[in-house]
């Protein structure tokens, strides 16, 4: 991978019905803040052709963010299983 980030450090905002913003760690962070930080990393705007696609993306990402912040039981690179 070109860059790898801890999902718990990612900030995600819905900016509009078809526009979302993903903030990656590294923007304004102190040097040596840990693995996964990238100099100059900052907000990434995601624009979706349809509002429905944006909602589907949000559903997947928000549940992943919640799980990561709760300390999910899955291991890196592997799903928790079904």
C-alpha atoms as a PDB file:
ATOM      1  CA  UNK A   1       0.000   0.000   0.000  1.00  0.00           C
ATOM      2  CA  UNK A   2       1.052   3.576  -0.630  1.00  0.00           C
ATOM      3  CA  UNK A   3      -0.248   4.736   2.734  1.00  0.00           C
ATOM      4  CA  UNK A   4      -1.856   2.970   5.628  1.00  0.00           C
ATOM      5  CA  UNK A   5      -3.947   4.593   8.357  1.00  0.00           C
ATOM      6  CA  UNK A   6      -5.513   3.365  11.549  1.00  0.00           C
ATOM      7  CA  UNK A   7      -9.256   3.581  10.952  1.00  0.00           C
ATOM      8  CA  UNK A   8      -9.731   4.999  14.459  1.00  0.00           C
ATOM      9  CA  UNK A   9      -7.759   8.085  13.380  1.00  0.00           C
ATOM     10  CA  UNK A  10      -9.893   8.805  10.310  1.00  0.00           C
ATOM     11  CA  UNK A  11     -12.496  11.541  10.442  1.00  0.00           C
ATOM     12  CA  UNK A  12     -15.460  11.324   8.080  1.00  0.00           C
ATOM     13  CA  UNK A  13     -18.066  14.024   7.444  1.00  0.00           C
ATOM     14  CA  UNK A  14     -21.090  14.186   5.227  1.00  0.00           C
ATOM     15  CA  UNK A  15     -20.861  17.560   3.480  1.00  0.00           C
ATOM     16  CA  UNK A  16     -23.971  17.179   1.334  1.00  0.00           C
ATOM     17  CA  UNK A  17     -26.255  14.509  -0.108  1.00  0.00           C
ATOM     18  CA  UNK A  18     -23.622  13.369  -2.621  1.00  0.00           C
ATOM     19  CA  UNK A  19     -20.448  14.912  -1.163  1.00  0.00           C
ATOM     20  CA  UNK A  20     -18.465  13.487   1.732  1.00  0.00           C
ATOM     21  CA  UNK A  21     -15.110  14.415   3.262  1.00  0.00           C
ATOM     22  CA  UNK A  22     -12.521  11.999   4.550  1.00  0.00           C
ATOM     23  CA  UNK A  23      -9.837  13.488   6.830  1.00  0.00           C
ATOM     24  CA  UNK A  24      -6.728  11.364   7.079  1.00  0.00           C
ATOM     25  CA  UNK A  25      -4.249  11.644   9.940  1.00  0.00           C
ATOM     26  CA  UNK A  26      -1.148  13.687   9.283  1.00  0.00           C
ATOM     27  CA  UNK A  27      -2.571  17.108   8.482  1.00  0.00           C
ATOM     28  CA  UNK A  28      -1.291  19.327  11.254  1.00  0.00           C
ATOM     29  CA  UNK A  29      -0.057  16.395  13.307  1.00  0.00           C
ATOM     30  CA  UNK A  30       3.206  16.601  15.169  1.00  0.00           C
ATOM     31  CA  UNK A  31       6.321  14.936  13.742  1.00  0.00           C
ATOM     32  CA  UNK A  32       6.724  11.398  14.986  1.00  0.00           C
ATOM     33  CA  UNK A  33       3.016  11.041  15.664  1.00  0.00           C
ATOM     34  CA  UNK A  34       3.293   7.357  14.876  1.00  0.00           C
ATOM     35  CA  UNK A  35       2.967   4.939  12.008  1.00  0.00           C
ATOM     36  CA  UNK A  36       0.362   5.663   9.433  1.00  0.00           C
ATOM     37  CA  UNK A  37       0.785   9.410   9.337  1.00  0.00           C
ATOM     38  CA  UNK A  38       1.606  11.003   6.017  1.00  0.00           C
ATOM     39  CA  UNK A  39       3.030  14.487   5.616  1.00  0.00           C
ATOM     40  CA  UNK A  40       0.513  16.710   3.931  1.00  0.00           C
ATOM     41  CA  UNK A  41      -2.327  14.250   4.364  1.00  0.00           C
ATOM     42  CA  UNK A  42      -5.570  16.092   4.798  1.00  0.00           C
ATOM     43  CA  UNK A  43      -9.163  16.181   3.676  1.00  0.00           C
ATOM     44  CA  UNK A  44     -10.171  14.149   0.665  1.00  0.00           C
ATOM     45  CA  UNK A  45     -13.492  15.092  -0.905  1.00  0.00           C
ATOM     46  CA  UNK A  46     -15.563  12.230  -2.268  1.00  0.00           C
ATOM     47  CA  UNK A  47     -18.263  13.145  -4.763  1.00  0.00           C
ATOM     48  CA  UNK A  48     -20.785  10.537  -5.780  1.00  0.00           C
ATOM     49  CA  UNK A  49     -22.830  10.580  -8.991  1.00  0.00           C
ATOM     50  CA  UNK A  50     -25.968   9.647  -7.064  1.00  0.00           C
ATOM     51  CA  UNK A  51     -27.116  10.296  -3.520  1.00  0.00           C
ATOM     52  CA  UNK A  52     -27.936   6.599  -3.132  1.00  0.00           C
ATOM     53  CA  UNK A  53     -24.301   5.627  -3.774  1.00  0.00           C
ATOM     54  CA  UNK A  54     -23.173   8.152  -1.160  1.00  0.00           C
ATOM     55  CA  UNK A  55     -25.605   6.690   1.378  1.00  0.00           C
ATOM     56  CA  UNK A  56     -24.370   3.152   0.688  1.00  0.00           C
ATOM     57  CA  UNK A  57     -20.754   4.264   1.103  1.00  0.00           C
ATOM     58  CA  UNK A  58     -21.624   6.057   4.355  1.00  0.00           C
ATOM     59  CA  UNK A  59     -23.383   2.977   5.730  1.00  0.00           C
ATOM     60  CA  UNK A  60     -20.348   0.773   5.132  1.00  0.00           C
ATOM     61  CA  UNK A  61     -17.779   3.277   6.343  1.00  0.00           C
ATOM     62  CA  UNK A  62     -19.648   4.482   9.416  1.00  0.00           C
ATOM     63  CA  UNK A  63     -20.200   0.926  10.658  1.00  0.00           C
ATOM     64  CA  UNK A  64     -16.491   0.200  10.114  1.00  0.00           C
ATOM     65  CA  UNK A  65     -15.496   3.360  11.989  1.00  0.00           C
ATOM     66  CA  UNK A  66     -17.791   2.470  14.897  1.00  0.00           C
ATOM     67  CA  UNK A  67     -16.362  -1.043  15.067  1.00  0.00           C
ATOM     68  CA  UNK A  68     -12.756   0.205  14.944  1.00  0.00           C
ATOM     69  CA  UNK A  69     -13.382   2.724  17.713  1.00  0.00           C
ATOM     70  CA  UNK A  70     -15.048   0.072  19.852  1.00  0.00           C
ATOM     71  CA  UNK A  71     -11.977  -2.099  19.449  1.00  0.00           C
ATOM     72  CA  UNK A  72     -13.420  -4.670  17.067  1.00  0.00           C
ATOM     73  CA  UNK A  73     -12.268  -8.257  17.275  1.00  0.00           C
ATOM     74  CA  UNK A  74     -11.206  -8.568  13.621  1.00  0.00           C
ATOM     75  CA  UNK A  75      -7.512  -8.593  12.816  1.00  0.00           C
ATOM     76  CA  UNK A  76      -5.772  -6.331  10.326  1.00  0.00           C
ATOM     77  CA  UNK A  77      -6.450  -7.526   6.802  1.00  0.00           C
ATOM     78  CA  UNK A  78      -9.023 -10.083   7.904  1.00  0.00           C
ATOM     79  CA  UNK A  79     -12.734  -9.694   8.457  1.00  0.00           C
ATOM     80  CA  UNK A  80     -14.337 -10.681  11.714  1.00  0.00           C
ATOM     81  CA  UNK A  81     -16.134 -13.454   9.821  1.00  0.00           C
ATOM     82  CA  UNK A  82     -19.767 -14.234   9.298  1.00  0.00           C
END
